[in-house]
Amino acid sequence: MKIKESAEDYLESILILKNKLGNVRSIDIVNYFDYSKPSISVAMKHLREDDYIEMDSKGYITLTEKGLAIAQKMFERHTLLTEWLISIGVDEKTAAEDACRIEHVISEESFEAIKNLKK
């Protein structure tokens, strides 16, 4: 099953926020993206239904095993692509923005080739 780009972004953001804050709630994701509470609530509902996240009775969000795998993949792609773009002369802000778009569509073969350049 192909996961939507927005879901990949949400999962990656949960991983980033978990590493930064320790615990993640929907409001943290609202603030991270500057989206409305209702849109994040709907997105979290879908991620729960698709078994990418779990939410406890206090509203704390954790990634399931399959959610974590996607989040880590997106984070690795985003980080490496950003660094690579900066290394070839792209300014940091543009590199991060472009990496965010590229990370969703780049083939595994192309990503591995770029990854091997960094070694």
PDB file of N, CA and C in Angstrom:
ATOM      1  N   MET A   1       0.843  -1.195   0.000  1.00  0.00           N
ATOM      2  CA  MET A   1       0.000   0.000   0.000  1.00  0.00           C
ATOM      3  C   MET A   1       0.883   1.252   0.000  1.00  0.00           C
ATOM      4  N   LYS A   2       0.578   2.169  -0.873  1.00  0.00           N
ATOM      5  CA  LYS A   2       1.309   3.436  -0.966  1.00  0.00           C
ATOM      6  C   LYS A   2       0.743   4.408   0.060  1.00  0.00           C
ATOM      7  N   ILE A   3       1.631   4.974   0.840  1.00  0.00           N
ATOM      8  CA  ILE A   3       1.227   5.956   1.849  1.00  0.00           C
ATOM      9  C   ILE A   3       1.289   7.355   1.227  1.00  0.00           C
ATOM     10  N   LYS A   4       0.376   8.202   1.633  1.00  0.00           N
ATOM     11  CA  LYS A   4       0.342   9.573   1.101  1.00  0.00           C
ATOM     12  C   LYS A   4       1.537  10.370   1.603  1.00  0.00           C
ATOM     13  N   GLU A   5       1.937  11.323   0.770  1.00  0.00           N
ATOM     14  CA  GLU A   5       3.054  12.212   1.108  1.00  0.00           C
ATOM     15  C   GLU A   5       2.808  12.931   2.433  1.00  0.00           C
ATOM     16  N   SER A   6       1.578  13.409   2.634  1.00  0.00           N
ATOM     17  CA  SER A   6       1.278  14.129   3.874  1.00  0.00           C
ATOM     18  C   SER A   6       1.427  13.212   5.088  1.00  0.00           C
ATOM     19  N   ALA A   7       1.032  11.949   4.946  1.00  0.00           N
ATOM     20  CA  ALA A   7       1.181  11.004   6.057  1.00  0.00           C
ATOM     21  C   ALA A   7       2.658  10.778   6.363  1.00  0.00           C
ATOM     22  N   GLU A   8       3.477  10.681   5.321  1.00  0.00           N
ATOM     23  CA  GLU A   8       4.929  10.541   5.531  1.00  0.00           C
ATOM     24  C   GLU A   8       5.466  11.744   6.292  1.00  0.00           C
ATOM     25  N   ASP A   9       5.006  12.937   5.932  1.00  0.00           N
ATOM     26  CA  ASP A   9       5.446  14.154   6.628  1.00  0.00           C
ATOM     27  C   ASP A   9       5.015  14.145   8.091  1.00  0.00           C
ATOM     28  N   TYR A  10       3.784  13.727   8.358  1.00  0.00           N
ATOM     29  CA  TYR A  10       3.308  13.668   9.743  1.00  0.00           C
ATOM     30  C   TYR A  10       4.125  12.674  10.560  1.00  0.00           C
ATOM     31  N   LEU A  11       4.389  11.509   9.989  1.00  0.00           N
ATOM     32  CA  LEU A  11       5.165  10.495  10.707  1.00  0.00           C
ATOM     33  C   LEU A  11       6.582  10.997  10.990  1.00  0.00           C
ATOM     34  N   GLU A  12       7.188  11.629   9.999  1.00  0.00           N
ATOM     35  CA  GLU A  12       8.527  12.192  10.193  1.00  0.00           C
ATOM     36  C   GLU A  12       8.506  13.261  11.282  1.00  0.00           C
ATOM     37  N   SER A  13       7.487  14.106  11.282  1.00  0.00           N
ATOM     38  CA  SER A  13       7.404  15.165  12.289  1.00  0.00           C
ATOM     39  C   SER A  13       7.237  14.594  13.689  1.00  0.00           C
ATOM     40  N   ILE A  14       6.492  13.498  13.811  1.00  0.00           N
ATOM     41  CA  ILE A  14       6.319  12.861  15.121  1.00  0.00           C
ATOM     42  C   ILE A  14       7.671  12.357  15.629  1.00  0.00           C
ATOM     43  N   LEU A  15       8.453  11.761  14.740  1.00  0.00           N
ATOM     44  CA  LEU A  15       9.791  11.294  15.115  1.00  0.00           C
ATOM     45  C   LEU A  15      10.682  12.455  15.561  1.00  0.00           C
ATOM     46  N   ILE A  16      10.681  13.534  14.790  1.00  0.00           N
ATOM     47  CA  ILE A  16      11.487  14.711  15.112  1.00  0.00           C
ATOM     48  C   ILE A  16      11.066  15.297  16.461  1.00  0.00           C
ATOM     49  N   LEU A  17       9.757  15.444  16.653  1.00  0.00           N
ATOM     50  CA  LEU A  17       9.244  16.012  17.899  1.00  0.00           C
ATOM     51  C   LEU A  17       9.517  15.094  19.090  1.00  0.00           C
ATOM     52  N   LYS A  18       9.403  13.798  18.887  1.00  0.00           N
ATOM     53  CA  LYS A  18       9.696  12.829  19.958  1.00  0.00           C
ATOM     54  C   LYS A  18      11.150  12.980  20.411  1.00  0.00           C
ATOM     55  N   ASN A  19      12.056  13.107  19.438  1.00  0.00           N
ATOM     56  CA  ASN A  19      13.476  13.276  19.772  1.00  0.00           C
ATOM     57  C   ASN A  19      13.744  14.605  20.464  1.00  0.00           C
ATOM     58  N   LYS A  20      12.970  15.618  20.110  1.00  0.00           N
ATOM     59  CA  LYS A  20      13.172  16.957  20.662  1.00  0.00           C
ATOM     60  C   LYS A  20      12.475  17.145  22.017  1.00  0.00           C
ATOM     61  N   LEU A  21      11.238  16.646  22.122  1.00  0.00           N
ATOM     62  CA  LEU A  21      10.417  16.927  23.296  1.00  0.00           C
ATOM     63  C   LEU A  21      10.281  15.757  24.269  1.00  0.00           C
ATOM     64  N   GLY A  22      10.524  14.567  23.793  1.00  0.00           N
ATOM     65  CA  GLY A  22      10.328  13.385  24.632  1.00  0.00           C
ATOM     66  C   GLY A  22       8.956  12.768  24.446  1.00  0.00           C
ATOM     67  N   ASN A  23       7.915  13.574  24.550  1.00  0.00           N
ATOM     68  CA  ASN A  23       6.540  13.127  24.332  1.00  0.00           C
ATOM     69  C   ASN A  23       5.897  14.028  23.280  1.00  0.00           C
ATOM     70  N   VAL A  24       4.986  13.454  22.513  1.00  0.00           N
ATOM     71  CA  VAL A  24       4.343  14.212  21.435  1.00  0.00           C
ATOM     72  C   VAL A  24       2.827  14.146  21.594  1.00  0.00           C
ATOM     73  N   ARG A  25       2.206  15.308  21.469  1.00  0.00           N
ATOM     74  CA  ARG A  25       0.742  15.399  21.441  1.00  0.00           C
ATOM     75  C   ARG A  25       0.346  16.114  20.160  1.00  0.00           C
ATOM     76  N   SER A  26      -0.911  16.033  19.834  1.00  0.00           N
ATOM     77  CA  SER A  26      -1.411  16.657  18.604  1.00  0.00           C
ATOM     78  C   SER A  26      -1.078  18.145  18.537  1.00  0.00           C
ATOM     79  N   ILE A  27      -1.148  18.842  19.661  1.00  0.00           N
ATOM     80  CA  ILE A  27      -0.870  20.277  19.672  1.00  0.00           C
ATOM     81  C   ILE A  27       0.574  20.563  19.252  1.00  0.00           C
ATOM     82  N   ASP A  28       1.486  19.653  19.554  1.00  0.00           N
ATOM     83  CA  ASP A  28       2.879  19.828  19.125  1.00  0.00           C
ATOM     84  C   ASP A  28       2.982  19.776  17.606  1.00  0.00           C
ATOM     85  N   ILE A  29       2.186  18.915  17.000  1.00  0.00           N
ATOM     86  CA  ILE A  29       2.174  18.793  15.540  1.00  0.00           C
ATOM     87  C   ILE A  29       1.503  20.017  14.919  1.00  0.00           C
ATOM     88  N   VAL A  30       0.448  20.503  15.556  1.00  0.00           N
ATOM     89  CA  VAL A  30      -0.208  21.751  15.119  1.00  0.00           C
ATOM     90  C   VAL A  30       0.827  22.869  15.067  1.00  0.00           C
ATOM     91  N   ASN A  31       1.598  23.008  16.134  1.00  0.00           N
ATOM     92  CA  ASN A  31       2.597  24.077  16.212  1.00  0.00           C
ATOM     93  C   ASN A  31       3.747  23.854  15.231  1.00  0.00           C
ATOM     94  N   TYR A  32       4.142  22.619  15.039  1.00  0.00           N
ATOM     95  CA  TYR A  32       5.243  22.291  14.136  1.00  0.00           C
ATOM     96  C   TYR A  32       4.927  22.711  12.700  1.00  0.00           C
ATOM     97  N   PHE A  33       3.715  22.388  12.256  1.00  0.00           N
ATOM     98  CA  PHE A  33       3.325  22.692  10.883  1.00  0.00           C
ATOM     99  C   PHE A  33       2.574  24.015  10.743  1.00  0.00           C
ATOM    100  N   ASP A  34       2.098  24.558  11.874  1.00  0.00           N
ATOM    101  CA  ASP A  34       1.233  25.740  11.862  1.00  0.00           C
ATOM    102  C   ASP A  34      -0.053  25.459  11.075  1.00  0.00           C
ATOM    103  N   TYR A  35      -0.602  24.258  11.312  1.00  0.00           N
ATOM    104  CA  TYR A  35      -1.884  23.862  10.719  1.00  0.00           C
ATOM    105  C   TYR A  35      -2.960  24.005  11.784  1.00  0.00           C
ATOM    106  N   SER A  36      -4.217  23.891  11.363  1.00  0.00           N
ATOM    107  CA  SER A  36      -5.321  23.992  12.315  1.00  0.00           C
ATOM    108  C   SER A  36      -5.439  22.707  13.143  1.00  0.00           C
ATOM    109  N   LYS A  37      -5.985  22.863  14.348  1.00  0.00           N
ATOM    110  CA  LYS A  37      -6.206  21.704  15.212  1.00  0.00           C
ATOM    111  C   LYS A  37      -7.106  20.664  14.546  1.00  0.00           C
ATOM    112  N   PRO A  38      -8.213  21.084  13.911  1.00  0.00           N
ATOM    113  CA  PRO A  38      -9.080  20.075  13.279  1.00  0.00           C
ATOM    114  C   PRO A  38      -8.381  19.273  12.170  1.00  0.00           C
ATOM    115  N   SER A  39      -7.545  19.926  11.365  1.00  0.00           N
ATOM    116  CA  SER A  39      -6.882  19.188  10.285  1.00  0.00           C
ATOM    117  C   SER A  39      -5.879  18.176  10.851  1.00  0.00           C
ATOM    118  N   ILE A  40      -5.184  18.526  11.921  1.00  0.00           N
ATOM    119  CA  ILE A  40      -4.247  17.591  12.556  1.00  0.00           C
ATOM    120  C   ILE A  40      -5.016  16.460  13.228  1.00  0.00           C
ATOM    121  N   SER A  41      -6.137  16.784  13.827  1.00  0.00           N
ATOM    122  CA  SER A  41      -6.961  15.762  14.474  1.00  0.00           C
ATOM    123  C   SER A  41      -7.429  14.718  13.461  1.00  0.00           C
ATOM    124  N   VAL A  42      -7.869  15.155  12.307  1.00  0.00           N
ATOM    125  CA  VAL A  42      -8.302  14.241  11.245  1.00  0.00           C
ATOM    126  C   VAL A  42      -7.128  13.401  10.755  1.00  0.00           C
ATOM    127  N   ALA A  43      -5.981  14.041  10.556  1.00  0.00           N
ATOM    128  CA  ALA A  43      -4.793  13.324  10.090  1.00  0.00           C
ATOM    129  C   ALA A  43      -4.373  12.260  11.105  1.00  0.00           C
ATOM    130  N   MET A  44      -4.395  12.594  12.395  1.00  0.00           N
ATOM    131  CA  MET A  44      -4.005  11.630  13.425  1.00  0.00           C
ATOM    132  C   MET A  44      -4.997  10.469  13.486  1.00  0.00           C
ATOM    133  N   LYS A  45      -6.265  10.770  13.262  1.00  0.00           N
ATOM    134  CA  LYS A  45      -7.292   9.716  13.228  1.00  0.00           C
ATOM    135  C   LYS A  45      -6.976   8.725  12.118  1.00  0.00           C
ATOM    136  N   HIS A  46      -6.636   9.224  10.943  1.00  0.00           N
ATOM    137  CA  HIS A  46      -6.304   8.349   9.810  1.00  0.00           C
ATOM    138  C   HIS A  46      -5.037   7.538  10.090  1.00  0.00           C
ATOM    139  N   LEU A  47      -4.033   8.174  10.679  1.00  0.00           N
ATOM    140  CA  LEU A  47      -2.800   7.458  11.001  1.00  0.00           C
ATOM    141  C   LEU A  47      -3.054   6.355  12.033  1.00  0.00           C
ATOM    142  N   ARG A  48      -3.957   6.622  12.984  1.00  0.00           N
ATOM    143  CA  ARG A  48      -4.332   5.590  13.967  1.00  0.00           C
ATOM    144  C   ARG A  48      -5.062   4.437  13.282  1.00  0.00           C
ATOM    145  N   GLU A  49      -6.021   4.778  12.436  1.00  0.00           N
ATOM    146  CA  GLU A  49      -6.812   3.753  11.738  1.00  0.00           C
ATOM    147  C   GLU A  49      -5.941   2.878  10.841  1.00  0.00           C
ATOM    148  N   ASP A  50      -4.879   3.461  10.280  1.00  0.00           N
ATOM    149  CA  ASP A  50      -3.977   2.717   9.397  1.00  0.00           C
ATOM    150  C   ASP A  50      -2.818   2.058  10.166  1.00  0.00           C
ATOM    151  N   ASP A  51      -2.878   2.142  11.498  1.00  0.00           N
ATOM    152  CA  ASP A  51      -1.904   1.497  12.381  1.00  0.00           C
ATOM    153  C   ASP A  51      -0.485   2.041  12.217  1.00  0.00           C
ATOM    154  N   TYR A  52      -0.367   3.363  12.012  1.00  0.00           N
ATOM    155  CA  TYR A  52       0.945   4.006  11.972  1.00  0.00           C
ATOM    156  C   TYR A  52       1.303   4.643  13.307  1.00  0.00           C
ATOM    157  N   ILE A  53       0.268   4.997  14.076  1.00  0.00           N
ATOM    158  CA  ILE A  53       0.482   5.597  15.399  1.00  0.00           C
ATOM    159  C   ILE A  53      -0.492   4.998  16.395  1.00  0.00           C
ATOM    160  N   GLU A  54      -0.156   5.196  17.669  1.00  0.00           N
ATOM    161  CA  GLU A  54      -1.065   4.892  18.766  1.00  0.00           C
ATOM    162  C   GLU A  54      -1.167   6.146  19.615  1.00  0.00           C
ATOM    163  N   MET A  55      -2.314   6.310  20.251  1.00  0.00           N
ATOM    164  CA  MET A  55      -2.508   7.466  21.120  1.00  0.00           C
ATOM    165  C   MET A  55      -3.061   6.954  22.445  1.00  0.00           C
ATOM    166  N   ASP A  56      -2.413   7.358  23.542  1.00  0.00           N
ATOM    167  CA  ASP A  56      -2.889   6.894  24.844  1.00  0.00           C
ATOM    168  C   ASP A  56      -4.011   7.793  25.364  1.00  0.00           C
ATOM    169  N   SER A  57      -4.513   7.461  26.542  1.00  0.00           N
ATOM    170  CA  SER A  57      -5.659   8.187  27.110  1.00  0.00           C
ATOM    171  C   SER A  57      -5.342   9.648  27.427  1.00  0.00           C
ATOM    172  N   LYS A  58      -4.065   9.987  27.559  1.00  0.00           N
ATOM    173  CA  LYS A  58      -3.666  11.371  27.827  1.00  0.00           C
ATOM    174  C   LYS A  58      -3.351  12.138  26.546  1.00  0.00           C
ATOM    175  N   GLY A  59      -3.496  11.473  25.397  1.00  0.00           N
ATOM    176  CA  GLY A  59      -3.257  12.139  24.121  1.00  0.00           C
ATOM    177  C   GLY A  59      -1.832  12.067  23.616  1.00  0.00           C
ATOM    178  N   TYR A  60      -0.983  11.275  24.271  1.00  0.00           N
ATOM    179  CA  TYR A  60       0.396  11.135  23.813  1.00  0.00           C
ATOM    180  C   TYR A  60       0.459  10.181  22.628  1.00  0.00           C
ATOM    181  N   ILE A  61       1.195  10.593  21.614  1.00  0.00           N
ATOM    182  CA  ILE A  61       1.279   9.853  20.362  1.00  0.00           C
ATOM    183  C   ILE A  61       2.593   9.088  20.313  1.00  0.00           C
ATOM    184  N   THR A  62       2.511   7.821  19.936  1.00  0.00           N
ATOM    185  CA  THR A  62       3.711   7.024  19.693  1.00  0.00           C
ATOM    186  C   THR A  62       3.579   6.376  18.328  1.00  0.00           C
ATOM    187  N   LEU A  63       4.712   6.200  17.687  1.00  0.00           N
ATOM    188  CA  LEU A  63       4.748   5.544  16.385  1.00  0.00           C
ATOM    189  C   LEU A  63       4.702   4.034  16.586  1.00  0.00           C
ATOM    190  N   THR A  64       3.910   3.358  15.761  1.00  0.00           N
ATOM    191  CA  THR A  64       3.947   1.898  15.762  1.00  0.00           C
ATOM    192  C   THR A  64       5.208   1.472  15.029  1.00  0.00           C
ATOM    193  N   GLU A  65       5.463   0.188  14.999  1.00  0.00           N
ATOM    194  CA  GLU A  65       6.655  -0.310  14.310  1.00  0.00           C
ATOM    195  C   GLU A  65       6.652   0.117  12.842  1.00  0.00           C
ATOM    196  N   LYS A  66       5.502  -0.028  12.178  1.00  0.00           N
ATOM    197  CA  LYS A  66       5.464   0.349  10.756  1.00  0.00           C
ATOM    198  C   LYS A  66       5.488   1.862  10.577  1.00  0.00           C
ATOM    199  N   GLY A  67       4.929   2.622  11.517  1.00  0.00           N
ATOM    200  CA  GLY A  67       5.005   4.076  11.458  1.00  0.00           C
ATOM    201  C   GLY A  67       6.431   4.569  11.667  1.00  0.00           C
ATOM    202  N   LEU A  68       7.138   3.936  12.604  1.00  0.00           N
ATOM    203  CA  LEU A  68       8.523   4.299  12.889  1.00  0.00           C
ATOM    204  C   LEU A  68       9.411   4.013  11.686  1.00  0.00           C
ATOM    205  N   ALA A  69       9.183   2.897  11.013  1.00  0.00           N
ATOM    206  CA  ALA A  69       9.994   2.548   9.840  1.00  0.00           C
ATOM    207  C   ALA A  69       9.870   3.612   8.753  1.00  0.00           C
ATOM    208  N   ILE A  70       8.665   4.078   8.514  1.00  0.00           N
ATOM    209  CA  ILE A  70       8.448   5.129   7.502  1.00  0.00           C
ATOM    210  C   ILE A  70       9.064   6.444   7.969  1.00  0.00           C
ATOM    211  N   ALA A  71       8.853   6.797   9.232  1.00  0.00           N
ATOM    212  CA  ALA A  71       9.388   8.049   9.775  1.00  0.00           C
ATOM    213  C   ALA A  71      10.908   8.084   9.669  1.00  0.00           C
ATOM    214  N   GLN A  72      11.553   6.975  10.012  1.00  0.00           N
ATOM    215  CA  GLN A  72      13.010   6.921   9.949  1.00  0.00           C
ATOM    216  C   GLN A  72      13.509   7.013   8.507  1.00  0.00           C
ATOM    217  N   LYS A  73      12.806   6.369   7.598  1.00  0.00           N
ATOM    218  CA  LYS A  73      13.174   6.427   6.179  1.00  0.00           C
ATOM    219  C   LYS A  73      13.080   7.856   5.660  1.00  0.00           C
ATOM    220  N   MET A  74      11.984   8.545   5.978  1.00  0.00           N
ATOM    221  CA  MET A  74      11.801   9.919   5.516  1.00  0.00           C
ATOM    222  C   MET A  74      12.824  10.849   6.150  1.00  0.00           C
ATOM    223  N   PHE A  75      13.097  10.652   7.435  1.00  0.00           N
ATOM    224  CA  PHE A  75      14.065  11.492   8.130  1.00  0.00           C
ATOM    225  C   PHE A  75      15.462  11.313   7.532  1.00  0.00           C
ATOM    226  N   GLU A  76      15.844  10.065   7.266  1.00  0.00           N
ATOM    227  CA  GLU A  76      17.149   9.810   6.665  1.00  0.00           C
ATOM    228  C   GLU A  76      17.239  10.471   5.290  1.00  0.00           C
ATOM    229  N   ARG A  77      16.202  10.301   4.487  1.00  0.00           N
ATOM    230  CA  ARG A  77      16.195  10.909   3.153  1.00  0.00           C
ATOM    231  C   ARG A  77      16.284  12.427   3.249  1.00  0.00           C
ATOM    232  N   HIS A  78      15.462  13.016   4.112  1.00  0.00           N
ATOM    233  CA  HIS A  78      15.435  14.471   4.258  1.00  0.00           C
ATOM    234  C   HIS A  78      16.806  15.000   4.683  1.00  0.00           C
ATOM    235  N   THR A  79      17.386  14.374   5.694  1.00  0.00           N
ATOM    236  CA  THR A  79      18.678  14.812   6.223  1.00  0.00           C
ATOM    237  C   THR A  79      19.770  14.692   5.172  1.00  0.00           C
ATOM    238  N   LEU A  80      19.867  13.533   4.539  1.00  0.00           N
ATOM    239  CA  LEU A  80      20.926  13.301   3.572  1.00  0.00           C
ATOM    240  C   LEU A  80      20.757  14.192   2.337  1.00  0.00           C
ATOM    241  N   LEU A  81      19.525  14.306   1.845  1.00  0.00           N
ATOM    242  CA  LEU A  81      19.297  15.144   0.661  1.00  0.00           C
ATOM    243  C   LEU A  81      19.586  16.612   0.952  1.00  0.00           C
ATOM    244  N   THR A  82      19.213  17.073   2.141  1.00  0.00           N
ATOM    245  CA  THR A  82      19.511  18.455   2.527  1.00  0.00           C
ATOM    246  C   THR A  82      21.019  18.681   2.546  1.00  0.00           C
ATOM    247  N   GLU A  83      21.754  17.779   3.197  1.00  0.00           N
ATOM    248  CA  GLU A  83      23.215  17.905   3.268  1.00  0.00           C
ATOM    249  C   GLU A  83      23.837  17.875   1.873  1.00  0.00           C
ATOM    250  N   TRP A  84      23.353  16.971   1.026  1.00  0.00           N
ATOM    251  CA  TRP A  84      23.895  16.839  -0.327  1.00  0.00           C
ATOM    252  C   TRP A  84      23.647  18.122  -1.129  1.00  0.00           C
ATOM    253  N   LEU A  85      22.424  18.652  -1.061  1.00  0.00           N
ATOM    254  CA  LEU A  85      22.120  19.886  -1.802  1.00  0.00           C
ATOM    255  C   LEU A  85      22.986  21.047  -1.315  1.00  0.00           C
ATOM    256  N   ILE A  86      23.185  21.147  -0.016  1.00  0.00           N
ATOM    257  CA  ILE A  86      24.055  22.196   0.533  1.00  0.00           C
ATOM    258  C   ILE A  86      25.483  22.009   0.019  1.00  0.00           C
ATOM    259  N   SER A  87      25.931  20.747  -0.039  1.00  0.00           N
ATOM    260  CA  SER A  87      27.308  20.473  -0.477  1.00  0.00           C
ATOM    261  C   SER A  87      27.560  20.841  -1.931  1.00  0.00           C
ATOM    262  N   ILE A  88      26.494  20.919  -2.726  1.00  0.00           N
ATOM    263  CA  ILE A  88      26.662  21.313  -4.136  1.00  0.00           C
ATOM    264  C   ILE A  88      26.289  22.777  -4.374  1.00  0.00           C
ATOM    265  N   GLY A  89      26.147  23.539  -3.274  1.00  0.00           N
ATOM    266  CA  GLY A  89      26.000  24.980  -3.394  1.00  0.00           C
ATOM    267  C   GLY A  89      24.619  25.563  -3.186  1.00  0.00           C
ATOM    268  N   VAL A  90      23.642  24.745  -2.831  1.00  0.00           N
ATOM    269  CA  VAL A  90      22.292  25.258  -2.578  1.00  0.00           C
ATOM    270  C   VAL A  90      22.250  25.836  -1.167  1.00  0.00           C
ATOM    271  N   ASP A  91      21.608  26.997  -0.999  1.00  0.00           N
ATOM    272  CA  ASP A  91      21.550  27.576   0.348  1.00  0.00           C
ATOM    273  C   ASP A  91      20.700  26.687   1.257  1.00  0.00           C
ATOM    274  N   GLU A  92      20.958  26.785   2.549  1.00  0.00           N
ATOM    275  CA  GLU A  92      20.382  25.867   3.538  1.00  0.00           C
ATOM    276  C   GLU A  92      18.855  25.825   3.522  1.00  0.00           C
ATOM    277  N   LYS A  93      18.218  26.987   3.470  1.00  0.00           N
ATOM    278  CA  LYS A  93      16.747  27.044   3.495  1.00  0.00           C
ATOM    279  C   LYS A  93      16.158  26.368   2.260  1.00  0.00           C
ATOM    280  N   THR A  94      16.688  26.704   1.088  1.00  0.00           N
ATOM    281  CA  THR A  94      16.198  26.112  -0.153  1.00  0.00           C
ATOM    282  C   THR A  94      16.473  24.617  -0.172  1.00  0.00           C
ATOM    283  N   ALA A  95      17.647  24.216   0.294  1.00  0.00           N
ATOM    284  CA  ALA A  95      18.013  22.798   0.327  1.00  0.00           C
ATOM    285  C   ALA A  95      17.029  22.001   1.176  1.00  0.00           C
ATOM    286  N   ALA A  96      16.667  22.526   2.343  1.00  0.00           N
ATOM    287  CA  ALA A  96      15.723  21.837   3.233  1.00  0.00           C
ATOM    288  C   ALA A  96      14.344  21.742   2.597  1.00  0.00           C
ATOM    289  N   GLU A  97      13.901  22.817   1.964  1.00  0.00           N
ATOM    290  CA  GLU A  97      12.588  22.819   1.307  1.00  0.00           C
ATOM    291  C   GLU A  97      12.559  21.840   0.136  1.00  0.00           C
ATOM    292  N   ASP A  98      13.600  21.863  -0.683  1.00  0.00           N
ATOM    293  CA  ASP A  98      13.663  20.957  -1.829  1.00  0.00           C
ATOM    294  C   ASP A  98      13.779  19.505  -1.378  1.00  0.00           C
ATOM    295  N   ALA A  99      14.574  19.259  -0.357  1.00  0.00           N
ATOM    296  CA  ALA A  99      14.737  17.893   0.162  1.00  0.00           C
ATOM    297  C   ALA A  99      13.398  17.336   0.627  1.00  0.00           C
ATOM    298  N   CYS A 100      12.577  18.192   1.216  1.00  0.00           N
ATOM    299  CA  CYS A 100      11.257  17.775   1.697  1.00  0.00           C
ATOM    300  C   CYS A 100      10.385  17.295   0.539  1.00  0.00           C
ATOM    301  N   ARG A 101      10.510  17.929  -0.593  1.00  0.00           N
ATOM    302  CA  ARG A 101       9.725  17.508  -1.767  1.00  0.00           C
ATOM    303  C   ARG A 101      10.345  16.268  -2.415  1.00  0.00           C
ATOM    304  N   ILE A 102      11.655  16.269  -2.562  1.00  0.00           N
ATOM    305  CA  ILE A 102      12.354  15.179  -3.251  1.00  0.00           C
ATOM    306  C   ILE A 102      12.232  13.862  -2.480  1.00  0.00           C
ATOM    307  N   GLU A 103      12.273  13.925  -1.152  1.00  0.00           N
ATOM    308  CA  GLU A 103      12.298  12.703  -0.338  1.00  0.00           C
ATOM    309  C   GLU A 103      11.120  11.780  -0.600  1.00  0.00           C
ATOM    310  N   HIS A 104      10.026  12.320  -1.098  1.00  0.00           N
ATOM    311  CA  HIS A 104       8.817  11.521  -1.328  1.00  0.00           C
ATOM    312  C   HIS A 104       8.797  10.835  -2.686  1.00  0.00           C
ATOM    313  N   VAL A 105       9.558  11.351  -3.636  1.00  0.00           N
ATOM    314  CA  VAL A 105       9.454  10.845  -5.009  1.00  0.00           C
ATOM    315  C   VAL A 105      10.724  10.177  -5.535  1.00  0.00           C
ATOM    316  N   ILE A 106      11.827  10.359  -4.854  1.00  0.00           N
ATOM    317  CA  ILE A 106      13.085   9.802  -5.338  1.00  0.00           C
ATOM    318  C   ILE A 106      13.051   8.266  -5.246  1.00  0.00           C
ATOM    319  N   SER A 107      13.583   7.619  -6.247  1.00  0.00           N
ATOM    320  CA  SER A 107      13.635   6.153  -6.234  1.00  0.00           C
ATOM    321  C   SER A 107      14.664   5.684  -5.222  1.00  0.00           C
ATOM    322  N   GLU A 108      14.519   4.448  -4.804  1.00  0.00           N
ATOM    323  CA  GLU A 108      15.492   3.871  -3.873  1.00  0.00           C
ATOM    324  C   GLU A 108      16.878   3.823  -4.520  1.00  0.00           C
ATOM    325  N   GLU A 109      16.917   3.512  -5.805  1.00  0.00           N
ATOM    326  CA  GLU A 109      18.187   3.441  -6.533  1.00  0.00           C
ATOM    327  C   GLU A 109      18.905   4.792  -6.545  1.00  0.00           C
ATOM    328  N   SER A 110      18.175   5.852  -6.870  1.00  0.00           N
ATOM    329  CA  SER A 110      18.783   7.185  -6.910  1.00  0.00           C
ATOM    330  C   SER A 110      19.214   7.635  -5.520  1.00  0.00           C
ATOM    331  N   PHE A 111      18.379   7.350  -4.523  1.00  0.00           N
ATOM    332  CA  PHE A 111      18.735   7.742  -3.161  1.00  0.00           C
ATOM    333  C   PHE A 111      20.001   7.023  -2.714  1.00  0.00           C
ATOM    334  N   GLU A 112      20.097   5.735  -2.987  1.00  0.00           N
ATOM    335  CA  GLU A 112      21.283   4.961  -2.603  1.00  0.00           C
ATOM    336  C   GLU A 112      22.526   5.501  -3.317  1.00  0.00           C
ATOM    337  N   ALA A 113      22.384   5.914  -4.578  1.00  0.00           N
ATOM    338  CA  ALA A 113      23.523   6.469  -5.316  1.00  0.00           C
ATOM    339  C   ALA A 113      24.003   7.761  -4.658  1.00  0.00           C
ATOM    340  N   ILE A 114      23.082   8.625  -4.265  1.00  0.00           N
ATOM    341  CA  ILE A 114      23.446   9.872  -3.585  1.00  0.00           C
ATOM    342  C   ILE A 114      24.067   9.542  -2.221  1.00  0.00           C
ATOM    343  N   LYS A 115      23.486   8.584  -1.534  1.00  0.00           N
ATOM    344  CA  LYS A 115      24.002   8.167  -0.226  1.00  0.00           C
ATOM    345  C   LYS A 115      25.444   7.666  -0.366  1.00  0.00           C
ATOM    346  N   ASN A 116      25.723   6.931  -1.433  1.00  0.00           N
ATOM    347  CA  ASN A 116      27.074   6.408  -1.656  1.00  0.00           C
ATOM    348  C   ASN A 116      28.077   7.511  -1.985  1.00  0.00           C
ATOM    349  N   LEU A 117      27.613   8.630  -2.526  1.00  0.00           N
ATOM    350  CA  LEU A 117      28.495   9.778  -2.788  1.00  0.00           C
ATOM    351  C   LEU A 117      29.042  10.345  -1.475  1.00  0.00           C
ATOM    352  N   LYS A 118      28.258  10.251  -0.421  1.00  0.00           N
ATOM    353  CA  LYS A 118      28.611  10.830   0.883  1.00  0.00           C
ATOM    354  C   LYS A 118      29.656   9.992   1.619  1.00  0.00           C
ATOM    355  N   LYS A 119      29.919   8.778   1.142  1.00  0.00           N
ATOM    356  CA  LYS A 119      30.851   7.884   1.846  1.00  0.00           C
ATOM    357  C   LYS A 119      32.287   8.215   1.507  1.00  0.00           C
TER     358      LYS A 119
END
